[in-house]
Protein backbone atom coordinates (compact mmCIF):
# COMPACT_ATOMS: atom_id res chain seq x y z
CA MET A 1 79.60 90.31 97.99
CA GLU A 2 79.00 93.90 97.94
CA ILE A 3 79.79 96.18 95.14
CA ARG A 4 79.78 99.82 96.04
CA GLY A 5 79.01 102.43 93.35
CA TYR A 6 82.10 104.32 94.10
CA ALA A 7 84.27 101.40 92.73
CA PHE A 8 82.71 102.09 89.33
CA GLN A 9 83.05 105.73 89.75
CA ALA A 10 86.72 105.31 90.31
CA LEU A 11 87.14 103.18 87.21
CA ALA A 12 85.20 105.72 85.12
CA ASP A 13 87.99 108.29 85.10
CA PRO A 14 90.42 107.77 82.02
CA SER A 15 93.48 108.64 84.27
CA ARG A 16 92.58 106.14 86.87
CA ARG A 17 92.08 103.41 84.23
CA ALA A 18 95.62 104.13 82.90
CA ASN A 19 96.84 103.79 86.38
CA ILE A 20 94.89 100.39 86.71
CA ALA A 21 96.63 99.25 83.38
CA SER A 22 99.99 100.08 84.73
CA ILE A 23 99.29 98.51 88.07
CA ALA A 24 97.86 95.31 86.67
CA LEU A 25 101.01 94.31 85.33
CA GLN A 26 103.02 94.57 88.59
CA ALA A 27 102.98 96.36 91.95
CA ILE A 28 104.13 99.87 91.26
CA THR A 29 105.28 103.04 93.30
CA PRO A 30 103.49 106.36 92.86
CA THR A 31 106.98 107.68 91.39
CA ALA A 32 106.99 105.07 88.99
CA ILE A 33 103.49 105.87 87.75
CA LEU A 34 104.64 109.55 87.40
CA VAL A 35 107.10 108.33 84.77
CA ASN A 36 104.43 106.80 82.70
CA ILE A 37 101.67 109.38 83.11
CA LYS A 38 102.11 112.97 82.66
CA LEU A 39 100.16 114.30 85.61
CA SER A 40 101.19 116.08 88.58
CA ARG A 41 102.34 114.35 91.78
CA GLN A 42 99.31 115.77 93.71
CA THR A 43 96.93 114.49 90.85
CA ILE A 44 98.40 111.08 90.95
CA SER A 45 98.13 111.00 94.78
CA ARG A 46 94.34 112.00 94.54
CA HIS A 47 93.74 109.31 91.91
CA LEU A 48 95.48 106.62 93.90
CA GLN A 49 93.68 107.75 96.99
CA ILE A 50 90.31 107.39 95.38
CA MET A 51 91.11 104.02 94.11
CA ILE A 52 92.49 102.85 97.55
CA ASP A 53 89.33 104.23 99.18
CA SER A 54 87.16 102.30 96.64
CA LYS A 55 89.28 99.13 97.43
CA ILE A 56 90.27 98.88 93.74
CA LEU A 57 93.93 99.16 95.02
CA THR A 58 95.79 98.08 98.04
CA GLN A 59 99.11 99.47 99.25
CA VAL A 60 102.15 97.29 100.71
CA GLN A 61 105.18 98.96 102.21
CA ASN A 62 108.51 97.30 101.57
CA GLY A 63 111.21 99.27 103.38
CA ARG A 64 110.80 103.03 102.36
CA GLU A 65 108.76 102.40 99.26
CA ILE A 66 104.93 102.03 99.17
CA TYR A 67 103.75 99.87 96.29
CA ASN A 68 100.31 99.89 95.09
CA LYS A 69 98.85 96.62 93.83
CA LEU A 70 95.77 95.34 92.31
CA PRO A 71 94.03 92.67 94.35
CA PRO A 72 92.55 90.25 91.92
CA ILE A 73 89.61 89.28 94.04
CA LYS A 74 88.16 93.05 93.78
CA MET A 75 88.40 92.86 90.01
CA LYS A 76 86.82 89.37 90.05
CA GLU A 77 84.07 90.85 92.20
CA LEU A 78 83.37 93.62 89.70
CA GLU A 79 83.56 91.15 86.78
CA ASP A 80 81.02 88.84 88.39
CA PHE A 81 78.73 91.77 88.98
CA ILE A 82 78.88 92.95 85.54
CA GLU A 83 78.82 89.63 83.66
CA PRO A 84 75.12 88.97 83.80
CA PHE A 85 74.61 92.42 82.00
CA CYS A 86 76.85 91.60 79.10
CA SER A 87 74.97 88.58 77.70
């Protein structure tokens, strides 16, 4: 298992953590994120790209829509890395 620092940097931003909270419930399109979070389309796209690059999010295309989803295995890797420091 390799944990890269940019995964933690991606999670350090409050806006990205809010996106993660929305996406954790269900796969969601960028347009749906715009409805829930009052940021510009460009800002949302930038945040999503950072999280995709750090492998916190994956994208799945269904027809014309692109859904962002949270791969549970990546979050488990982050949890496993942090867990020894929490006790």
